[in-house]
Amino acid sequence: MIILASGSPRRQELLARIVPVFTVQPAAIDERALPVLAPEAYVKELAIAKARAVAAQNPDATVIAADTMVALGAELLGKPANRAAAYADISRLAGRTHHVHTGMVVRRPDGSENAVVVTTAVTFWPLTPAEIERYLDFGTYRDKAGAYGIQDDGALLIKGIAGDYYNVMGLPISTLVRML
């Protein structure tokens, strides 16, 4: 049995491309309880914590866990609390290159873990305040790290990427299929 330790519809959609049958069980962890580390280490530790929490309840399952964050230098941009926070995030990203890091773990029933971090560089177009407001009017910034999703209206902000597209969506499936 394979369990995805995430309630993210996007991760479920992506996992279904490579694993036809799996169960969804979001990990019940307090992400704020973990110390803030460098972006790559932080997403890896969060993914490990999620995998272990779900594996403790399902010792006979293979558990897949992931955590994705947007980093502008050493600054982590999580999910915006509101439109004003989203505006601030998009304004900081405009005209610059940032990195999307996904920590991903496959934990097997024997307790072995394979943990990786996949990083993709994303460059935004320079944006005017009016362009940012127009983007925010779509409302798709909600519940997305960095206030955008590459798979929806956030694509209008992106000048280019270097790396795994699906990583920016939250689950780098080409890496995951090799881990499995």
N, C-alpha and C. Protein backbone atom coordinates (compact mmCIF):
# COMPACT_ATOMS: atom_id res chain seq x y z
N MET A 1 0.84 -1.18 0.00
CA MET A 1 0.00 0.00 0.00
C MET A 1 0.89 1.25 0.00
N ILE A 2 0.49 2.23 -0.79
CA ILE A 2 1.19 3.51 -0.86
C ILE A 2 0.26 4.59 -0.29
N ILE A 3 0.83 5.43 0.58
CA ILE A 3 0.08 6.53 1.16
C ILE A 3 0.77 7.84 0.80
N LEU A 4 -0.02 8.80 0.34
CA LEU A 4 0.47 10.15 0.12
C LEU A 4 0.14 10.96 1.37
N ALA A 5 1.18 11.45 2.04
CA ALA A 5 1.00 12.19 3.29
C ALA A 5 0.75 13.66 2.99
N SER A 6 -0.29 13.91 2.21
CA SER A 6 -0.61 15.28 1.80
C SER A 6 -2.06 15.36 1.39
N GLY A 7 -2.71 16.45 1.76
CA GLY A 7 -4.08 16.69 1.32
C GLY A 7 -4.15 17.54 0.06
N SER A 8 -2.99 17.89 -0.50
CA SER A 8 -2.95 18.76 -1.66
C SER A 8 -3.58 18.10 -2.89
N PRO A 9 -4.61 18.71 -3.45
CA PRO A 9 -5.20 18.15 -4.68
C PRO A 9 -4.18 18.10 -5.82
N ARG A 10 -3.29 19.06 -5.87
CA ARG A 10 -2.29 19.08 -6.94
C ARG A 10 -1.34 17.89 -6.80
N ARG A 11 -0.87 17.61 -5.59
CA ARG A 11 0.01 16.45 -5.39
C ARG A 11 -0.72 15.15 -5.70
N GLN A 12 -1.99 15.07 -5.34
CA GLN A 12 -2.76 13.87 -5.65
C GLN A 12 -2.86 13.67 -7.16
N GLU A 13 -3.14 14.74 -7.87
CA GLU A 13 -3.24 14.68 -9.33
C GLU A 13 -1.91 14.23 -9.95
N LEU A 14 -0.81 14.78 -9.46
CA LEU A 14 0.49 14.43 -10.02
C LEU A 14 0.89 13.00 -9.67
N LEU A 15 0.65 12.58 -8.43
CA LEU A 15 1.00 11.20 -8.05
C LEU A 15 0.21 10.19 -8.87
N ALA A 16 -1.04 10.50 -9.18
CA ALA A 16 -1.88 9.59 -9.97
C ALA A 16 -1.30 9.33 -11.36
N ARG A 17 -0.43 10.21 -11.83
CA ARG A 17 0.21 10.00 -13.14
C ARG A 17 1.20 8.85 -13.11
N ILE A 18 1.75 8.55 -11.91
CA ILE A 18 2.79 7.51 -11.84
C ILE A 18 2.41 6.34 -10.93
N VAL A 19 1.44 6.56 -10.03
CA VAL A 19 0.98 5.50 -9.13
C VAL A 19 -0.54 5.45 -9.25
N PRO A 20 -1.08 4.40 -9.87
CA PRO A 20 -2.53 4.39 -10.11
C PRO A 20 -3.38 4.24 -8.85
N VAL A 21 -2.86 3.55 -7.83
CA VAL A 21 -3.65 3.31 -6.63
C VAL A 21 -2.85 3.75 -5.41
N PHE A 22 -3.42 4.67 -4.65
CA PHE A 22 -2.79 5.12 -3.40
C PHE A 22 -3.87 5.69 -2.50
N THR A 23 -3.51 5.83 -1.24
CA THR A 23 -4.40 6.39 -0.23
C THR A 23 -3.86 7.76 0.16
N VAL A 24 -4.74 8.65 0.54
CA VAL A 24 -4.34 9.98 0.99
C VAL A 24 -4.55 10.08 2.49
N GLN A 25 -3.51 10.47 3.19
CA GLN A 25 -3.60 10.70 4.63
C GLN A 25 -2.69 11.88 4.98
N PRO A 26 -3.26 13.08 5.06
CA PRO A 26 -2.42 14.23 5.40
C PRO A 26 -1.76 14.05 6.77
N ALA A 27 -0.53 14.48 6.87
CA ALA A 27 0.21 14.37 8.13
C ALA A 27 -0.27 15.44 9.10
N ALA A 28 -0.49 15.03 10.33
CA ALA A 28 -0.92 15.96 11.37
C ALA A 28 0.31 16.38 12.17
N ILE A 29 1.05 17.34 11.61
CA ILE A 29 2.22 17.86 12.33
C ILE A 29 2.10 19.37 12.44
N ASP A 30 2.77 19.93 13.43
CA ASP A 30 2.82 21.38 13.59
C ASP A 30 4.08 21.86 12.89
N GLU A 31 3.90 22.40 11.68
CA GLU A 31 5.06 22.83 10.89
C GLU A 31 5.84 23.94 11.58
N ARG A 32 5.16 24.71 12.41
CA ARG A 32 5.84 25.81 13.11
C ARG A 32 6.71 25.31 14.26
N ALA A 33 6.55 24.05 14.65
CA ALA A 33 7.35 23.50 15.74
C ALA A 33 8.78 23.19 15.30
N LEU A 34 8.98 23.06 13.99
CA LEU A 34 10.33 22.78 13.48
C LEU A 34 11.13 24.07 13.43
N PRO A 35 12.42 23.99 13.73
CA PRO A 35 13.23 25.21 13.63
C PRO A 35 13.36 25.64 12.17
N VAL A 36 13.43 26.94 11.96
CA VAL A 36 13.60 27.46 10.61
C VAL A 36 15.07 27.28 10.23
N LEU A 37 15.28 26.60 9.14
CA LEU A 37 16.62 26.30 8.64
C LEU A 37 16.79 26.96 7.28
N ALA A 38 17.92 26.71 6.64
CA ALA A 38 18.10 27.14 5.25
C ALA A 38 16.98 26.49 4.43
N PRO A 39 16.52 27.14 3.36
CA PRO A 39 15.36 26.64 2.61
C PRO A 39 15.42 25.16 2.24
N GLU A 40 16.54 24.70 1.70
CA GLU A 40 16.63 23.29 1.29
C GLU A 40 16.51 22.35 2.47
N ALA A 41 17.18 22.66 3.56
CA ALA A 41 17.12 21.82 4.76
C ALA A 41 15.73 21.86 5.38
N TYR A 42 15.10 23.02 5.35
CA TYR A 42 13.78 23.18 5.95
C TYR A 42 12.74 22.30 5.27
N VAL A 43 12.68 22.35 3.93
CA VAL A 43 11.66 21.53 3.23
C VAL A 43 11.95 20.04 3.39
N LYS A 44 13.21 19.69 3.45
CA LYS A 44 13.57 18.28 3.64
C LYS A 44 13.13 17.80 5.03
N GLU A 45 13.39 18.59 6.05
CA GLU A 45 13.00 18.20 7.41
C GLU A 45 11.48 18.15 7.56
N LEU A 46 10.77 19.07 6.92
CA LEU A 46 9.31 19.02 6.97
C LEU A 46 8.78 17.76 6.30
N ALA A 47 9.33 17.41 5.15
CA ALA A 47 8.89 16.20 4.45
C ALA A 47 9.18 14.96 5.29
N ILE A 48 10.34 14.91 5.92
CA ILE A 48 10.69 13.77 6.77
C ILE A 48 9.72 13.67 7.93
N ALA A 49 9.42 14.80 8.58
CA ALA A 49 8.48 14.80 9.71
C ALA A 49 7.10 14.30 9.28
N LYS A 50 6.65 14.75 8.11
CA LYS A 50 5.34 14.31 7.60
C LYS A 50 5.35 12.80 7.33
N ALA A 51 6.39 12.32 6.67
CA ALA A 51 6.47 10.89 6.34
C ALA A 51 6.49 10.05 7.61
N ARG A 52 7.26 10.44 8.59
CA ARG A 52 7.36 9.68 9.83
C ARG A 52 6.05 9.68 10.61
N ALA A 53 5.35 10.81 10.62
CA ALA A 53 4.08 10.88 11.34
C ALA A 53 3.05 9.92 10.74
N VAL A 54 2.97 9.88 9.43
CA VAL A 54 2.01 8.99 8.77
C VAL A 54 2.47 7.54 8.86
N ALA A 55 3.77 7.30 8.73
CA ALA A 55 4.29 5.93 8.83
C ALA A 55 4.07 5.34 10.21
N ALA A 56 4.11 6.16 11.24
CA ALA A 56 3.89 5.66 12.60
C ALA A 56 2.49 5.07 12.75
N GLN A 57 1.53 5.59 12.00
CA GLN A 57 0.15 5.10 12.04
C GLN A 57 -0.09 3.98 11.02
N ASN A 58 0.84 3.83 10.08
CA ASN A 58 0.69 2.85 8.99
C ASN A 58 2.02 2.14 8.74
N PRO A 59 2.47 1.31 9.67
CA PRO A 59 3.81 0.73 9.57
C PRO A 59 4.02 -0.19 8.37
N ASP A 60 2.96 -0.69 7.78
CA ASP A 60 3.09 -1.61 6.63
C ASP A 60 2.99 -0.91 5.28
N ALA A 61 2.95 0.41 5.29
CA ALA A 61 2.77 1.16 4.04
C ALA A 61 4.06 1.84 3.61
N THR A 62 4.13 2.11 2.31
CA THR A 62 5.15 3.01 1.78
C THR A 62 4.53 4.39 1.79
N VAL A 63 5.21 5.33 2.43
CA VAL A 63 4.67 6.68 2.60
C VAL A 63 5.47 7.66 1.75
N ILE A 64 4.76 8.49 1.01
CA ILE A 64 5.37 9.56 0.22
C ILE A 64 4.94 10.88 0.85
N ALA A 65 5.93 11.71 1.16
CA ALA A 65 5.64 13.02 1.73
C ALA A 65 6.46 14.07 1.00
N ALA A 66 5.92 15.27 0.93
CA ALA A 66 6.62 16.37 0.26
C ALA A 66 6.25 17.69 0.91
N ASP A 67 7.15 18.64 0.80
CA ASP A 67 6.88 20.00 1.23
C ASP A 67 7.58 20.93 0.25
N THR A 68 6.86 21.94 -0.21
CA THR A 68 7.39 22.87 -1.20
C THR A 68 7.38 24.28 -0.65
N MET A 69 8.48 24.99 -0.87
CA MET A 69 8.59 26.39 -0.46
C MET A 69 9.24 27.19 -1.58
N VAL A 70 8.88 28.45 -1.62
CA VAL A 70 9.50 29.41 -2.53
C VAL A 70 10.53 30.18 -1.72
N ALA A 71 11.74 30.31 -2.27
CA ALA A 71 12.80 31.03 -1.57
C ALA A 71 13.34 32.13 -2.46
N LEU A 72 13.42 33.31 -1.89
CA LEU A 72 14.07 34.44 -2.55
C LEU A 72 15.33 34.69 -1.73
N GLY A 73 16.43 34.16 -2.23
CA GLY A 73 17.65 34.14 -1.43
C GLY A 73 17.43 33.22 -0.25
N ALA A 74 17.69 33.69 0.95
CA ALA A 74 17.49 32.88 2.15
C ALA A 74 16.10 33.06 2.75
N GLU A 75 15.29 33.94 2.15
CA GLU A 75 13.95 34.22 2.68
C GLU A 75 12.95 33.22 2.12
N LEU A 76 12.22 32.57 3.01
CA LEU A 76 11.17 31.63 2.62
C LEU A 76 9.85 32.38 2.46
N LEU A 77 9.18 32.13 1.36
CA LEU A 77 7.85 32.71 1.12
C LEU A 77 6.84 31.59 1.19
N GLY A 78 6.07 31.57 2.22
CA GLY A 78 5.04 30.55 2.37
C GLY A 78 3.76 30.96 1.70
N LYS A 79 2.65 30.41 2.19
CA LYS A 79 1.34 30.75 1.65
C LYS A 79 0.92 32.10 2.24
N PRO A 80 0.48 33.02 1.40
CA PRO A 80 0.12 34.35 1.92
C PRO A 80 -1.13 34.29 2.78
N ALA A 81 -1.14 35.08 3.84
CA ALA A 81 -2.28 35.12 4.76
C ALA A 81 -3.48 35.85 4.14
N ASN A 82 -3.20 36.77 3.22
CA ASN A 82 -4.27 37.57 2.64
C ASN A 82 -3.77 38.22 1.35
N ARG A 83 -4.63 39.00 0.72
CA ARG A 83 -4.28 39.64 -0.55
C ARG A 83 -3.08 40.59 -0.40
N ALA A 84 -3.03 41.33 0.68
CA ALA A 84 -1.91 42.27 0.89
C ALA A 84 -0.59 41.52 0.98
N ALA A 85 -0.59 40.40 1.67
CA ALA A 85 0.64 39.59 1.77
C ALA A 85 1.00 39.01 0.40
N ALA A 86 0.00 38.60 -0.37
CA ALA A 86 0.25 38.09 -1.72
C ALA A 86 0.84 39.18 -2.60
N TYR A 87 0.30 40.39 -2.49
CA TYR A 87 0.83 41.52 -3.27
C TYR A 87 2.30 41.75 -2.92
N ALA A 88 2.61 41.72 -1.64
CA ALA A 88 4.00 41.92 -1.20
C ALA A 88 4.92 40.84 -1.76
N ASP A 89 4.46 39.59 -1.73
CA ASP A 89 5.29 38.49 -2.24
C ASP A 89 5.53 38.64 -3.75
N ILE A 90 4.47 38.87 -4.50
CA ILE A 90 4.61 38.99 -5.96
C ILE A 90 5.47 40.20 -6.30
N SER A 91 5.33 41.28 -5.56
CA SER A 91 6.16 42.47 -5.79
C SER A 91 7.64 42.17 -5.59
N ARG A 92 7.95 41.37 -4.57
CA ARG A 92 9.36 41.01 -4.32
C ARG A 92 9.90 40.08 -5.40
N LEU A 93 9.04 39.24 -5.95
CA LEU A 93 9.48 38.28 -6.96
C LEU A 93 9.57 38.91 -8.36
N ALA A 94 8.84 39.97 -8.60
CA ALA A 94 8.77 40.59 -9.92
C ALA A 94 10.15 41.00 -10.43
N GLY A 95 10.45 40.57 -11.65
CA GLY A 95 11.70 40.94 -12.30
C GLY A 95 12.92 40.21 -11.75
N ARG A 96 12.70 39.21 -10.94
CA ARG A 96 13.82 38.50 -10.30
C ARG A 96 13.69 36.99 -10.49
N THR A 97 14.78 36.32 -10.19
CA THR A 97 14.80 34.86 -10.19
C THR A 97 14.76 34.38 -8.75
N HIS A 98 13.89 33.44 -8.48
CA HIS A 98 13.80 32.82 -7.16
C HIS A 98 13.88 31.31 -7.34
N HIS A 99 13.88 30.60 -6.24
CA HIS A 99 13.99 29.14 -6.29
C HIS A 99 12.82 28.48 -5.59
N VAL A 100 12.34 27.42 -6.19
CA VAL A 100 11.30 26.60 -5.59
C VAL A 100 11.97 25.30 -5.16
N HIS A 101 11.88 25.00 -3.87
CA HIS A 101 12.49 23.81 -3.30
C HIS A 101 11.40 22.86 -2.83
N THR A 102 11.50 21.61 -3.23
CA THR A 102 10.59 20.59 -2.72
C THR A 102 11.42 19.52 -2.03
N GLY A 103 11.14 19.34 -0.75
CA GLY A 103 11.70 18.20 -0.02
C GLY A 103 10.74 17.05 -0.21
N MET A 104 11.27 15.89 -0.54
CA MET A 104 10.44 14.73 -0.83
C MET A 104 11.05 13.50 -0.18
N VAL A 105 10.18 12.69 0.42
CA VAL A 105 10.63 11.49 1.13
C VAL A 105 9.78 10.30 0.71
N VAL A 106 10.46 9.18 0.51
CA VAL A 106 9.78 7.90 0.38
C VAL A 106 10.23 7.06 1.57
N ARG A 107 9.28 6.71 2.43
CA ARG A 107 9.58 5.89 3.61
C ARG A 107 8.92 4.54 3.42
N ARG A 108 9.71 3.50 3.52
CA ARG A 108 9.25 2.13 3.27
C ARG A 108 8.86 1.42 4.57
N PRO A 109 8.12 0.32 4.47
CA PRO A 109 7.70 -0.41 5.68
C PRO A 109 8.87 -0.90 6.55
N ASP A 110 10.04 -1.11 5.96
CA ASP A 110 11.19 -1.55 6.76
C ASP A 110 11.85 -0.39 7.51
N GLY A 111 11.29 0.83 7.38
CA GLY A 111 11.82 2.00 8.08
C GLY A 111 12.86 2.77 7.29
N SER A 112 13.27 2.25 6.15
CA SER A 112 14.27 2.98 5.36
C SER A 112 13.61 4.20 4.72
N GLU A 113 14.40 5.24 4.58
CA GLU A 113 13.92 6.49 3.99
C GLU A 113 14.87 6.95 2.90
N ASN A 114 14.28 7.47 1.85
CA ASN A 114 15.06 8.13 0.80
C ASN A 114 14.52 9.55 0.74
N ALA A 115 15.36 10.52 1.07
CA ALA A 115 14.93 11.92 1.10
C ALA A 115 15.79 12.74 0.14
N VAL A 116 15.13 13.58 -0.64
CA VAL A 116 15.83 14.44 -1.59
C VAL A 116 15.22 15.84 -1.55
N VAL A 117 15.96 16.78 -2.10
CA VAL A 117 15.43 18.12 -2.34
C VAL A 117 15.63 18.41 -3.82
N VAL A 118 14.56 18.82 -4.48
CA VAL A 118 14.60 19.19 -5.88
C VAL A 118 14.40 20.71 -5.94
N THR A 119 15.25 21.37 -6.72
CA THR A 119 15.21 22.83 -6.82
C THR A 119 15.02 23.26 -8.26
N THR A 120 14.14 24.22 -8.46
CA THR A 120 13.88 24.80 -9.77
C THR A 120 14.00 26.32 -9.66
N ALA A 121 14.72 26.92 -10.60
CA ALA A 121 14.83 28.38 -10.66
C ALA A 121 13.69 28.92 -11.50
N VAL A 122 13.01 29.93 -10.98
CA VAL A 122 11.87 30.54 -11.67
C VAL A 122 12.13 32.05 -11.78
N THR A 123 12.01 32.58 -12.99
CA THR A 123 12.20 34.01 -13.22
C THR A 123 10.87 34.64 -13.58
N PHE A 124 10.53 35.70 -12.86
CA PHE A 124 9.31 36.47 -13.15
C PHE A 124 9.62 37.63 -14.08
N TRP A 125 8.64 38.01 -14.86
CA TRP A 125 8.72 39.23 -15.64
C TRP A 125 8.74 40.42 -14.69
N PRO A 126 9.29 41.55 -15.10
CA PRO A 126 9.06 42.78 -14.33
C PRO A 126 7.55 43.06 -14.37
N LEU A 127 6.97 43.48 -13.27
CA LEU A 127 5.53 43.67 -13.20
C LEU A 127 5.19 45.04 -12.63
N THR A 128 4.21 45.67 -13.21
CA THR A 128 3.73 46.95 -12.67
C THR A 128 2.73 46.66 -11.55
N PRO A 129 2.46 47.65 -10.70
CA PRO A 129 1.44 47.44 -9.68
C PRO A 129 0.08 47.03 -10.28
N ALA A 130 -0.27 47.60 -11.41
CA ALA A 130 -1.55 47.25 -12.05
C ALA A 130 -1.55 45.80 -12.52
N GLU A 131 -0.43 45.32 -13.03
CA GLU A 131 -0.34 43.92 -13.46
C GLU A 131 -0.46 42.98 -12.27
N ILE A 132 0.14 43.36 -11.16
CA ILE A 132 0.05 42.53 -9.95
C ILE A 132 -1.39 42.49 -9.45
N GLU A 133 -2.04 43.64 -9.43
CA GLU A 133 -3.44 43.69 -8.98
C GLU A 133 -4.35 42.85 -9.89
N ARG A 134 -4.11 42.94 -11.20
CA ARG A 134 -4.89 42.16 -12.16
C ARG A 134 -4.71 40.66 -11.90
N TYR A 135 -3.46 40.25 -11.64
CA TYR A 135 -3.21 38.84 -11.32
C TYR A 135 -3.94 38.45 -10.03
N LEU A 136 -3.85 39.29 -9.00
CA LEU A 136 -4.49 38.96 -7.73
C LEU A 136 -6.00 38.86 -7.85
N ASP A 137 -6.58 39.59 -8.81
CA ASP A 137 -8.02 39.53 -9.03
C ASP A 137 -8.48 38.12 -9.42
N PHE A 138 -7.61 37.32 -10.00
CA PHE A 138 -7.97 35.93 -10.34
C PHE A 138 -8.23 35.12 -9.08
N GLY A 139 -7.57 35.46 -7.98
CA GLY A 139 -7.76 34.76 -6.71
C GLY A 139 -7.00 33.45 -6.57
N THR A 140 -6.22 33.10 -7.58
CA THR A 140 -5.52 31.81 -7.54
C THR A 140 -4.26 31.83 -6.68
N TYR A 141 -3.93 32.96 -6.10
CA TYR A 141 -2.76 33.06 -5.23
C TYR A 141 -3.00 32.38 -3.89
N ARG A 142 -4.24 32.18 -3.54
CA ARG A 142 -4.58 31.63 -2.22
C ARG A 142 -4.04 30.21 -2.06
N ASP A 143 -3.52 29.95 -0.88
CA ASP A 143 -3.04 28.62 -0.50
C ASP A 143 -1.89 28.12 -1.38
N LYS A 144 -1.07 29.08 -1.87
CA LYS A 144 0.08 28.69 -2.69
C LYS A 144 1.33 29.38 -2.18
N ALA A 145 2.38 28.60 -1.99
CA ALA A 145 3.66 29.17 -1.57
C ALA A 145 4.11 30.21 -2.59
N GLY A 146 4.53 31.36 -2.10
CA GLY A 146 4.97 32.42 -3.00
C GLY A 146 3.84 33.14 -3.68
N ALA A 147 2.60 32.79 -3.37
CA ALA A 147 1.39 33.43 -3.89
C ALA A 147 1.14 33.18 -5.38
N TYR A 148 1.67 32.09 -5.90
CA TYR A 148 1.37 31.77 -7.30
C TYR A 148 1.46 30.27 -7.54
N GLY A 149 0.77 29.82 -8.58
CA GLY A 149 0.87 28.45 -9.05
C GLY A 149 1.23 28.49 -10.52
N ILE A 150 2.25 27.76 -10.90
CA ILE A 150 2.71 27.77 -12.29
C ILE A 150 1.65 27.17 -13.22
N GLN A 151 0.80 26.30 -12.68
CA GLN A 151 -0.18 25.59 -13.49
C GLN A 151 -1.45 26.40 -13.74
N ASP A 152 -1.58 27.55 -13.10
CA ASP A 152 -2.78 28.36 -13.32
C ASP A 152 -2.39 29.77 -13.73
N ASP A 153 -3.08 30.77 -13.24
CA ASP A 153 -2.84 32.15 -13.66
C ASP A 153 -1.44 32.65 -13.32
N GLY A 154 -0.77 32.01 -12.40
CA GLY A 154 0.62 32.37 -12.08
C GLY A 154 1.54 32.22 -13.28
N ALA A 155 1.16 31.39 -14.24
CA ALA A 155 1.96 31.22 -15.45
C ALA A 155 2.14 32.55 -16.19
N LEU A 156 1.21 33.47 -16.03
CA LEU A 156 1.29 34.77 -16.70
C LEU A 156 2.41 35.64 -16.15
N LEU A 157 2.91 35.32 -14.98
CA LEU A 157 3.97 36.09 -14.32
C LEU A 157 5.37 35.60 -14.70
N ILE A 158 5.45 34.39 -15.23
CA ILE A 158 6.72 33.68 -15.36
C ILE A 158 7.36 33.91 -16.73
N LYS A 159 8.57 34.42 -16.69
CA LYS A 159 9.35 34.62 -17.91
C LYS A 159 10.05 33.32 -18.31
N GLY A 160 10.48 32.52 -17.33
CA GLY A 160 11.14 31.27 -17.65
C GLY A 160 11.46 30.46 -16.41
N ILE A 161 11.77 29.18 -16.63
CA ILE A 161 12.19 28.31 -15.53
C ILE A 161 13.41 27.52 -15.96
N ALA A 162 14.19 27.12 -14.98
CA ALA A 162 15.31 26.20 -15.21
C ALA A 162 15.16 25.10 -14.19
N GLY A 163 14.75 23.93 -14.67
CA GLY A 163 14.54 22.80 -13.76
C GLY A 163 13.22 22.12 -14.04
N ASP A 164 12.74 21.41 -13.05
CA ASP A 164 11.56 20.56 -13.16
C ASP A 164 10.27 21.37 -12.98
N TYR A 165 9.46 21.42 -14.02
CA TYR A 165 8.17 22.13 -13.99
C TYR A 165 7.28 21.58 -12.87
N TYR A 166 7.21 20.24 -12.77
CA TYR A 166 6.33 19.63 -11.78
C TYR A 166 6.81 19.90 -10.35
N ASN A 167 8.08 20.18 -10.18
CA ASN A 167 8.58 20.59 -8.87
C ASN A 167 7.91 21.89 -8.44
N VAL A 168 7.74 22.82 -9.37
CA VAL A 168 7.11 24.09 -9.05
C VAL A 168 5.64 23.86 -8.68
N MET A 169 5.03 22.83 -9.22
CA MET A 169 3.66 22.47 -8.87
C MET A 169 3.59 21.79 -7.50
N GLY A 170 4.71 21.25 -7.01
CA GLY A 170 4.71 20.66 -5.67
C GLY A 170 5.08 19.20 -5.57
N LEU A 171 5.30 18.51 -6.70
CA LEU A 171 5.69 17.11 -6.64
C LEU A 171 6.50 16.77 -7.89
N PRO A 172 7.82 16.74 -7.77
CA PRO A 172 8.67 16.44 -8.93
C PRO A 172 8.59 14.95 -9.29
N ILE A 173 7.63 14.62 -10.15
CA ILE A 173 7.31 13.22 -10.41
C ILE A 173 8.42 12.45 -11.14
N SER A 174 9.24 13.13 -11.92
CA SER A 174 10.31 12.39 -12.61
C SER A 174 11.34 11.90 -11.60
N THR A 175 11.56 12.66 -10.55
CA THR A 175 12.46 12.21 -9.46
C THR A 175 11.76 11.15 -8.63
N LEU A 176 10.49 11.38 -8.32
CA LEU A 176 9.75 10.43 -7.48
C LEU A 176 9.67 9.05 -8.11
N VAL A 177 9.43 8.97 -9.41
CA VAL A 177 9.31 7.65 -10.04
C VAL A 177 10.63 6.88 -9.90
N ARG A 178 11.75 7.56 -9.91
CA ARG A 178 13.04 6.91 -9.72
C ARG A 178 13.24 6.48 -8.27
N MET A 179 12.72 7.26 -7.34
CA MET A 179 12.82 6.90 -5.92
C MET A 179 11.98 5.66 -5.60
N LEU A 180 10.84 5.55 -6.26
CA LEU A 180 9.97 4.40 -6.02
C LEU A 180 10.52 3.14 -6.66
